Amino acid sequence: MANEKIEDIEDEFLGAELGDSRRAQRLLRLAKSMANKP
């Protein structure tokens, strides 16, 4: 049972990391598009 809890926690951390990287990529794209505008 303890192992299952550890896996759940790992899944949450992985999900958070994936979400952060996606958010970072979106911000990067937004910054680039704003820089391209005169």
PDB file of N, CA and C in Angstrom:
ATOM      1  N   MET A   1       0.831  -1.211   0.000  1.00  0.00           N
ATOM      2  CA  MET A   1       0.000   0.000   0.000  1.00  0.00           C
ATOM      3  C   MET A   1       0.860   1.252   0.000  1.00  0.00           C
ATOM      4  N   ALA A   2       1.979   1.194   0.723  1.00  0.00           N
ATOM      5  CA  ALA A   2       2.866   2.354   0.760  1.00  0.00           C
ATOM      6  C   ALA A   2       3.440   2.627  -0.632  1.00  0.00           C
ATOM      7  N   ASN A   3       3.742   1.543  -1.369  1.00  0.00           N
ATOM      8  CA  ASN A   3       4.295   1.706  -2.709  1.00  0.00           C
ATOM      9  C   ASN A   3       3.310   2.418  -3.627  1.00  0.00           C
ATOM     10  N   GLU A   4       2.021   2.091  -3.498  1.00  0.00           N
ATOM     11  CA  GLU A   4       1.019   2.734  -4.349  1.00  0.00           C
ATOM     12  C   GLU A   4       0.980   4.234  -4.078  1.00  0.00           C
ATOM     13  N   LYS A   5       1.088   4.607  -2.810  1.00  0.00           N
ATOM     14  CA  LYS A   5       1.061   6.030  -2.466  1.00  0.00           C
ATOM     15  C   LYS A   5       2.264   6.742  -3.078  1.00  0.00           C
ATOM     16  N   ILE A   6       3.428   6.101  -3.023  1.00  0.00           N
ATOM     17  CA  ILE A   6       4.638   6.700  -3.595  1.00  0.00           C
ATOM     18  C   ILE A   6       4.452   6.915  -5.094  1.00  0.00           C
ATOM     19  N   GLU A   7       3.863   5.930  -5.774  1.00  0.00           N
ATOM     20  CA  GLU A   7       3.645   6.067  -7.219  1.00  0.00           C
ATOM     21  C   GLU A   7       2.701   7.225  -7.510  1.00  0.00           C
ATOM     22  N   ASP A   8       1.657   7.371  -6.693  1.00  0.00           N
ATOM     23  CA  ASP A   8       0.715   8.471  -6.895  1.00  0.00           C
ATOM     24  C   ASP A   8       1.435   9.812  -6.765  1.00  0.00           C
ATOM     25  N   ILE A   9       2.300   9.916  -5.753  1.00  0.00           N
ATOM     26  CA  ILE A   9       3.040  11.166  -5.543  1.00  0.00           C
ATOM     27  C   ILE A   9       3.961  11.433  -6.734  1.00  0.00           C
ATOM     28  N   GLU A  10       4.628  10.375  -7.228  1.00  0.00           N
ATOM     29  CA  GLU A  10       5.519  10.545  -8.384  1.00  0.00           C
ATOM     30  C   GLU A  10       4.727  11.018  -9.594  1.00  0.00           C
ATOM     31  N   ASP A  11       3.529  10.440  -9.792  1.00  0.00           N
ATOM     32  CA  ASP A  11       2.695  10.848 -10.922  1.00  0.00           C
ATOM     33  C   ASP A  11       2.344  12.328 -10.811  1.00  0.00           C
ATOM     34  N   GLU A  12       2.041  12.777  -9.599  1.00  0.00           N
ATOM     35  CA  GLU A  12       1.681  14.184  -9.417  1.00  0.00           C
ATOM     36  C   GLU A  12       2.870  15.084  -9.745  1.00  0.00           C
ATOM     37  N   PHE A  13       4.073  14.688  -9.316  1.00  0.00           N
ATOM     38  CA  PHE A  13       5.257  15.493  -9.613  1.00  0.00           C
ATOM     39  C   PHE A  13       5.510  15.541 -11.118  1.00  0.00           C
ATOM     40  N   LEU A  14       5.388  14.381 -11.782  1.00  0.00           N
ATOM     41  CA  LEU A  14       5.594  14.332 -13.231  1.00  0.00           C
ATOM     42  C   LEU A  14       4.577  15.229 -13.925  1.00  0.00           C
ATOM     43  N   GLY A  15       3.316  15.153 -13.485  1.00  0.00           N
ATOM     44  CA  GLY A  15       2.269  15.979 -14.077  1.00  0.00           C
ATOM     45  C   GLY A  15       2.589  17.455 -13.907  1.00  0.00           C
ATOM     46  N   ALA A  16       3.087  17.828 -12.734  1.00  0.00           N
ATOM     47  CA  ALA A  16       3.418  19.227 -12.477  1.00  0.00           C
ATOM     48  C   ALA A  16       4.571  19.671 -13.378  1.00  0.00           C
ATOM     49  N   GLU A  17       5.579  18.804 -13.537  1.00  0.00           N
ATOM     50  CA  GLU A  17       6.722  19.157 -14.389  1.00  0.00           C
ATOM     51  C   GLU A  17       6.277  19.334 -15.832  1.00  0.00           C
ATOM     52  N   LEU A  18       5.426  18.428 -16.313  1.00  0.00           N
ATOM     53  CA  LEU A  18       4.946  18.531 -17.694  1.00  0.00           C
ATOM     54  C   LEU A  18       4.146  19.815 -17.862  1.00  0.00           C
ATOM     55  N   GLY A  19       3.298  20.132 -16.894  1.00  0.00           N
ATOM     56  CA  GLY A  19       2.495  21.342 -16.966  1.00  0.00           C
ATOM     57  C   GLY A  19       3.380  22.582 -16.972  1.00  0.00           C
ATOM     58  N   ASP A  20       4.434  22.579 -16.140  1.00  0.00           N
ATOM     59  CA  ASP A  20       5.339  23.723 -16.077  1.00  0.00           C
ATOM     60  C   ASP A  20       6.066  23.918 -17.403  1.00  0.00           C
ATOM     61  N   SER A  21       6.519  22.831 -18.013  1.00  0.00           N
ATOM     62  CA  SER A  21       7.263  22.949 -19.271  1.00  0.00           C
ATOM     63  C   SER A  21       6.342  23.467 -20.366  1.00  0.00           C
ATOM     64  N   ARG A  22       5.082  23.005 -20.364  1.00  0.00           N
ATOM     65  CA  ARG A  22       4.131  23.482 -21.376  1.00  0.00           C
ATOM     66  C   ARG A  22       3.858  24.963 -21.174  1.00  0.00           C
ATOM     67  N   ARG A  23       3.732  25.380 -19.908  1.00  0.00           N
ATOM     68  CA  ARG A  23       3.466  26.784 -19.615  1.00  0.00           C
ATOM     69  C   ARG A  23       4.663  27.631 -20.039  1.00  0.00           C
ATOM     70  N   ALA A  24       5.864  27.134 -19.790  1.00  0.00           N
ATOM     71  CA  ALA A  24       7.076  27.858 -20.159  1.00  0.00           C
ATOM     72  C   ALA A  24       7.162  28.015 -21.675  1.00  0.00           C
ATOM     73  N   GLN A  25       6.827  26.942 -22.409  1.00  0.00           N
ATOM     74  CA  GLN A  25       6.877  27.021 -23.872  1.00  0.00           C
ATOM     75  C   GLN A  25       5.860  28.032 -24.389  1.00  0.00           C
ATOM     76  N   ARG A  26       4.675  28.069 -23.760  1.00  0.00           N
ATOM     77  CA  ARG A  26       3.643  29.009 -24.193  1.00  0.00           C
ATOM     78  C   ARG A  26       4.107  30.445 -23.939  1.00  0.00           C
ATOM     79  N   LEU A  27       4.721  30.682 -22.774  1.00  0.00           N
ATOM     80  CA  LEU A  27       5.213  32.022 -22.462  1.00  0.00           C
ATOM     81  C   LEU A  27       6.324  32.418 -23.430  1.00  0.00           C
ATOM     82  N   LEU A  28       7.169  31.448 -23.781  1.00  0.00           N
ATOM     83  CA  LEU A  28       8.265  31.715 -24.713  1.00  0.00           C
ATOM     84  C   LEU A  28       7.698  32.129 -26.066  1.00  0.00           C
ATOM     85  N   ARG A  29       6.672  31.382 -26.536  1.00  0.00           N
ATOM     86  CA  ARG A  29       6.051  31.703 -27.823  1.00  0.00           C
ATOM     87  C   ARG A  29       5.403  33.081 -27.765  1.00  0.00           C
ATOM     88  N   LEU A  30       4.742  33.385 -26.649  1.00  0.00           N
ATOM     89  CA  LEU A  30       4.079  34.682 -26.490  1.00  0.00           C
ATOM     90  C   LEU A  30       5.118  35.806 -26.543  1.00  0.00           C
ATOM     91  N   ALA A  31       6.233  35.613 -25.856  1.00  0.00           N
ATOM     92  CA  ALA A  31       7.289  36.627 -25.844  1.00  0.00           C
ATOM     93  C   ALA A  31       7.848  36.842 -27.248  1.00  0.00           C
ATOM     94  N   LYS A  32       8.038  35.752 -27.996  1.00  0.00           N
ATOM     95  CA  LYS A  32       8.565  35.871 -29.360  1.00  0.00           C
ATOM     96  C   LYS A  32       7.583  36.622 -30.252  1.00  0.00           C
ATOM     97  N   SER A  33       6.289  36.293 -30.150  1.00  0.00           N
ATOM     98  CA  SER A  33       5.291  36.943 -31.003  1.00  0.00           C
ATOM     99  C   SER A  33       5.191  38.429 -30.660  1.00  0.00           C
ATOM    100  N   MET A  34       5.339  38.774 -29.389  1.00  0.00           N
ATOM    101  CA  MET A  34       5.272  40.186 -28.997  1.00  0.00           C
ATOM    102  C   MET A  34       6.514  40.923 -29.490  1.00  0.00           C
ATOM    103  N   ALA A  35       7.661  40.259 -29.479  1.00  0.00           N
ATOM    104  CA  ALA A  35       8.902  40.882 -29.934  1.00  0.00           C
ATOM    105  C   ALA A  35       8.846  41.137 -31.439  1.00  0.00           C
ATOM    106  N   ASN A  36       8.105  40.294 -32.179  1.00  0.00           N
ATOM    107  CA  ASN A  36       8.009  40.454 -33.632  1.00  0.00           C
ATOM    108  C   ASN A  36       7.129  41.637 -34.019  1.00  0.00           C
ATOM    109  N   LYS A  37       6.234  42.050 -33.120  1.00  0.00           N
ATOM    110  CA  LYS A  37       5.351  43.180 -33.445  1.00  0.00           C
ATOM    111  C   LYS A  37       6.134  44.487 -33.367  1.00  0.00           C
ATOM    112  N   PRO A  38       5.881  45.409 -34.285  1.00  0.00           N
ATOM    113  CA  PRO A  38       6.605  46.694 -34.301  1.00  0.00           C
ATOM    114  C   PRO A  38       6.246  47.572 -33.106  1.00  0.00           C
TER     115      PRO A  38
END
